[in-house]
Amino acid sequence: MITPNKSIPLKDSILYKCIYILEKDFESIYLVDLYKAVISKFDGIDEFLYSIDVLFLLNLVDVDFELGKISRC
């Protein structure tokens, strides 16, 4: 589900769903508010968190765990 393969099309992969987060216009936002804004695009909170992880590893977002905020790099 994270990466596309023979049985998982690109549209259903986490790599593709990261686009939904990047399309939102924010400089800094609470994770809860961001999830509420994109909840219809994800099948569950686990996919959302995987997408946040991927974006963090790619250095596209920064996560402040104390405040629960995410910001663009």
N, C-alpha and C. Protein backbone atom coordinates (compact mmCIF):
# COMPACT_ATOMS: atom_id res chain seq x y z
N MET A 1 0.81 -1.19 0.00
CA MET A 1 0.00 0.00 0.00
C MET A 1 0.86 1.26 0.00
N ILE A 2 2.07 1.15 0.48
CA ILE A 2 2.92 2.32 0.52
C ILE A 2 3.46 2.65 -0.86
N THR A 3 3.95 1.64 -1.54
CA THR A 3 4.49 1.87 -2.88
C THR A 3 3.67 1.09 -3.90
N PRO A 4 3.58 1.60 -5.10
CA PRO A 4 2.82 0.88 -6.13
C PRO A 4 3.56 -0.37 -6.58
N ASN A 5 2.80 -1.39 -6.93
CA ASN A 5 3.36 -2.61 -7.50
C ASN A 5 2.33 -3.21 -8.44
N LYS A 6 2.44 -4.50 -8.75
CA LYS A 6 1.51 -5.12 -9.69
C LYS A 6 0.07 -5.08 -9.19
N SER A 7 -0.12 -5.28 -7.91
CA SER A 7 -1.48 -5.36 -7.38
C SER A 7 -1.99 -4.04 -6.81
N ILE A 8 -1.11 -3.08 -6.55
CA ILE A 8 -1.51 -1.78 -6.01
C ILE A 8 -1.22 -0.70 -7.04
N PRO A 9 -2.28 -0.10 -7.59
CA PRO A 9 -2.05 0.96 -8.58
C PRO A 9 -1.47 2.22 -7.92
N LEU A 10 -0.90 3.05 -8.73
CA LEU A 10 -0.27 4.28 -8.24
C LEU A 10 -1.27 5.14 -7.47
N LYS A 11 -2.50 5.22 -7.92
CA LYS A 11 -3.51 6.07 -7.26
C LYS A 11 -3.82 5.63 -5.84
N ASP A 12 -3.58 4.37 -5.52
CA ASP A 12 -3.88 3.86 -4.18
C ASP A 12 -2.65 3.80 -3.28
N SER A 13 -1.52 4.24 -3.76
CA SER A 13 -0.29 4.17 -2.98
C SER A 13 -0.11 5.42 -2.11
N ILE A 14 0.67 5.29 -1.08
CA ILE A 14 0.94 6.40 -0.18
C ILE A 14 1.72 7.49 -0.91
N LEU A 15 2.59 7.10 -1.81
CA LEU A 15 3.37 8.09 -2.56
C LEU A 15 2.45 9.05 -3.32
N TYR A 16 1.37 8.53 -3.87
CA TYR A 16 0.42 9.37 -4.59
C TYR A 16 -0.41 10.21 -3.62
N LYS A 17 -0.79 9.64 -2.50
CA LYS A 17 -1.66 10.34 -1.55
C LYS A 17 -0.93 11.47 -0.83
N CYS A 18 0.39 11.48 -0.87
CA CYS A 18 1.15 12.61 -0.31
C CYS A 18 0.81 13.90 -1.04
N ILE A 19 0.42 13.78 -2.28
CA ILE A 19 0.07 14.96 -3.08
C ILE A 19 -1.08 15.72 -2.45
N TYR A 20 -2.05 15.00 -1.87
CA TYR A 20 -3.21 15.65 -1.27
C TYR A 20 -2.80 16.57 -0.12
N ILE A 21 -1.78 16.18 0.62
CA ILE A 21 -1.29 17.01 1.72
C ILE A 21 -0.54 18.22 1.16
N LEU A 22 0.27 17.99 0.15
CA LEU A 22 1.05 19.09 -0.42
C LEU A 22 0.17 20.10 -1.15
N GLU A 23 -0.99 19.67 -1.63
CA GLU A 23 -1.90 20.60 -2.32
C GLU A 23 -2.56 21.59 -1.39
N LYS A 24 -2.64 21.28 -0.12
CA LYS A 24 -3.26 22.20 0.84
C LYS A 24 -2.36 23.40 1.05
N ASP A 25 -2.99 24.55 1.12
CA ASP A 25 -2.26 25.80 1.28
C ASP A 25 -2.09 26.10 2.76
N PHE A 26 -0.90 25.82 3.27
CA PHE A 26 -0.61 26.09 4.68
C PHE A 26 0.88 26.37 4.85
N GLU A 27 1.18 27.19 5.80
CA GLU A 27 2.57 27.43 6.19
C GLU A 27 2.87 26.62 7.44
N SER A 28 1.95 26.66 8.38
CA SER A 28 2.02 25.89 9.61
C SER A 28 0.60 25.58 10.04
N ILE A 29 0.33 24.32 10.38
CA ILE A 29 -1.03 23.90 10.70
C ILE A 29 -0.96 22.76 11.71
N TYR A 30 -1.98 22.67 12.56
CA TYR A 30 -2.07 21.54 13.48
C TYR A 30 -2.38 20.28 12.68
N LEU A 31 -1.80 19.16 13.11
CA LEU A 31 -2.01 17.90 12.42
C LEU A 31 -3.49 17.52 12.39
N VAL A 32 -4.21 17.80 13.45
CA VAL A 32 -5.65 17.48 13.51
C VAL A 32 -6.41 18.27 12.45
N ASP A 33 -6.09 19.55 12.31
CA ASP A 33 -6.76 20.38 11.32
C ASP A 33 -6.43 19.94 9.89
N LEU A 34 -5.19 19.56 9.67
CA LEU A 34 -4.79 19.07 8.35
C LEU A 34 -5.51 17.77 8.04
N TYR A 35 -5.60 16.89 9.02
CA TYR A 35 -6.31 15.62 8.80
C TYR A 35 -7.78 15.86 8.49
N LYS A 36 -8.40 16.80 9.18
CA LYS A 36 -9.81 17.12 8.90
C LYS A 36 -9.98 17.66 7.49
N ALA A 37 -8.97 18.36 6.99
CA ALA A 37 -9.05 18.95 5.65
C ALA A 37 -8.89 17.91 4.54
N VAL A 38 -8.20 16.81 4.81
CA VAL A 38 -7.93 15.81 3.77
C VAL A 38 -8.53 14.45 4.10
N ILE A 39 -9.39 14.37 5.08
CA ILE A 39 -9.92 13.09 5.55
C ILE A 39 -10.63 12.30 4.44
N SER A 40 -11.24 12.99 3.51
CA SER A 40 -11.97 12.30 2.44
C SER A 40 -11.04 11.63 1.43
N LYS A 41 -9.80 12.01 1.40
CA LYS A 41 -8.84 11.47 0.43
C LYS A 41 -8.14 10.21 0.93
N PHE A 42 -8.21 9.94 2.23
CA PHE A 42 -7.50 8.82 2.83
C PHE A 42 -8.49 7.77 3.34
N ASP A 43 -8.09 6.51 3.31
CA ASP A 43 -8.94 5.43 3.79
C ASP A 43 -8.91 5.31 5.30
N GLY A 44 -7.94 5.91 5.94
CA GLY A 44 -7.84 5.86 7.39
C GLY A 44 -6.71 6.73 7.88
N ILE A 45 -6.63 6.86 9.19
CA ILE A 45 -5.60 7.72 9.77
C ILE A 45 -4.21 7.12 9.56
N ASP A 46 -4.13 5.80 9.42
CA ASP A 46 -2.82 5.18 9.21
C ASP A 46 -2.22 5.62 7.88
N GLU A 47 -3.02 5.74 6.82
CA GLU A 47 -2.51 6.22 5.54
C GLU A 47 -2.05 7.68 5.65
N PHE A 48 -2.80 8.47 6.39
CA PHE A 48 -2.42 9.87 6.60
C PHE A 48 -1.08 9.96 7.32
N LEU A 49 -0.89 9.17 8.35
CA LEU A 49 0.37 9.20 9.11
C LEU A 49 1.53 8.67 8.28
N TYR A 50 1.29 7.65 7.47
CA TYR A 50 2.34 7.18 6.57
C TYR A 50 2.75 8.28 5.59
N SER A 51 1.76 9.03 5.11
CA SER A 51 2.05 10.12 4.17
C SER A 51 2.87 11.22 4.85
N ILE A 52 2.54 11.54 6.09
CA ILE A 52 3.31 12.53 6.84
C ILE A 52 4.74 12.03 7.03
N ASP A 53 4.90 10.74 7.33
CA ASP A 53 6.23 10.16 7.49
C ASP A 53 7.05 10.27 6.21
N VAL A 54 6.43 9.95 5.08
CA VAL A 54 7.13 10.02 3.80
C VAL A 54 7.55 11.45 3.50
N LEU A 55 6.65 12.39 3.70
CA LEU A 55 6.98 13.80 3.45
C LEU A 55 8.07 14.29 4.39
N PHE A 56 8.07 13.82 5.62
CA PHE A 56 9.12 14.19 6.57
C PHE A 56 10.47 13.63 6.13
N LEU A 57 10.48 12.37 5.69
CA LEU A 57 11.73 11.76 5.23
C LEU A 57 12.27 12.42 3.97
N LEU A 58 11.37 12.94 3.15
CA LEU A 58 11.79 13.65 1.94
C LEU A 58 12.14 15.11 2.22
N ASN A 59 12.06 15.52 3.48
CA ASN A 59 12.38 16.87 3.93
C ASN A 59 11.47 17.92 3.27
N LEU A 60 10.21 17.56 3.09
CA LEU A 60 9.24 18.49 2.54
C LEU A 60 8.39 19.14 3.62
N VAL A 61 8.31 18.49 4.77
CA VAL A 61 7.58 19.06 5.92
C VAL A 61 8.41 18.85 7.17
N ASP A 62 8.12 19.67 8.16
CA ASP A 62 8.75 19.55 9.47
C ASP A 62 7.64 19.39 10.50
N VAL A 63 7.82 18.46 11.44
CA VAL A 63 6.79 18.17 12.42
C VAL A 63 7.30 18.56 13.80
N ASP A 64 6.50 19.37 14.51
CA ASP A 64 6.80 19.73 15.89
C ASP A 64 5.89 18.86 16.78
N PHE A 65 6.49 17.85 17.39
CA PHE A 65 5.72 16.88 18.16
C PHE A 65 5.19 17.46 19.46
N GLU A 66 5.85 18.44 20.01
CA GLU A 66 5.39 19.05 21.26
C GLU A 66 4.11 19.85 21.04
N LEU A 67 4.05 20.58 19.94
CA LEU A 67 2.87 21.41 19.64
C LEU A 67 1.84 20.67 18.78
N GLY A 68 2.26 19.58 18.13
CA GLY A 68 1.37 18.88 17.23
C GLY A 68 1.12 19.63 15.94
N LYS A 69 2.14 20.37 15.50
CA LYS A 69 2.02 21.17 14.28
C LYS A 69 2.93 20.65 13.19
N ILE A 70 2.52 20.89 11.97
CA ILE A 70 3.32 20.54 10.81
C ILE A 70 3.53 21.80 9.99
N SER A 71 4.73 21.97 9.46
CA SER A 71 5.01 23.15 8.64
C SER A 71 5.82 22.73 7.43
N ARG A 72 5.71 23.52 6.38
CA ARG A 72 6.47 23.24 5.16
C ARG A 72 7.93 23.64 5.36
N CYS A 73 8.80 22.91 4.74
CA CYS A 73 10.24 23.23 4.80
C CYS A 73 10.59 24.23 3.71
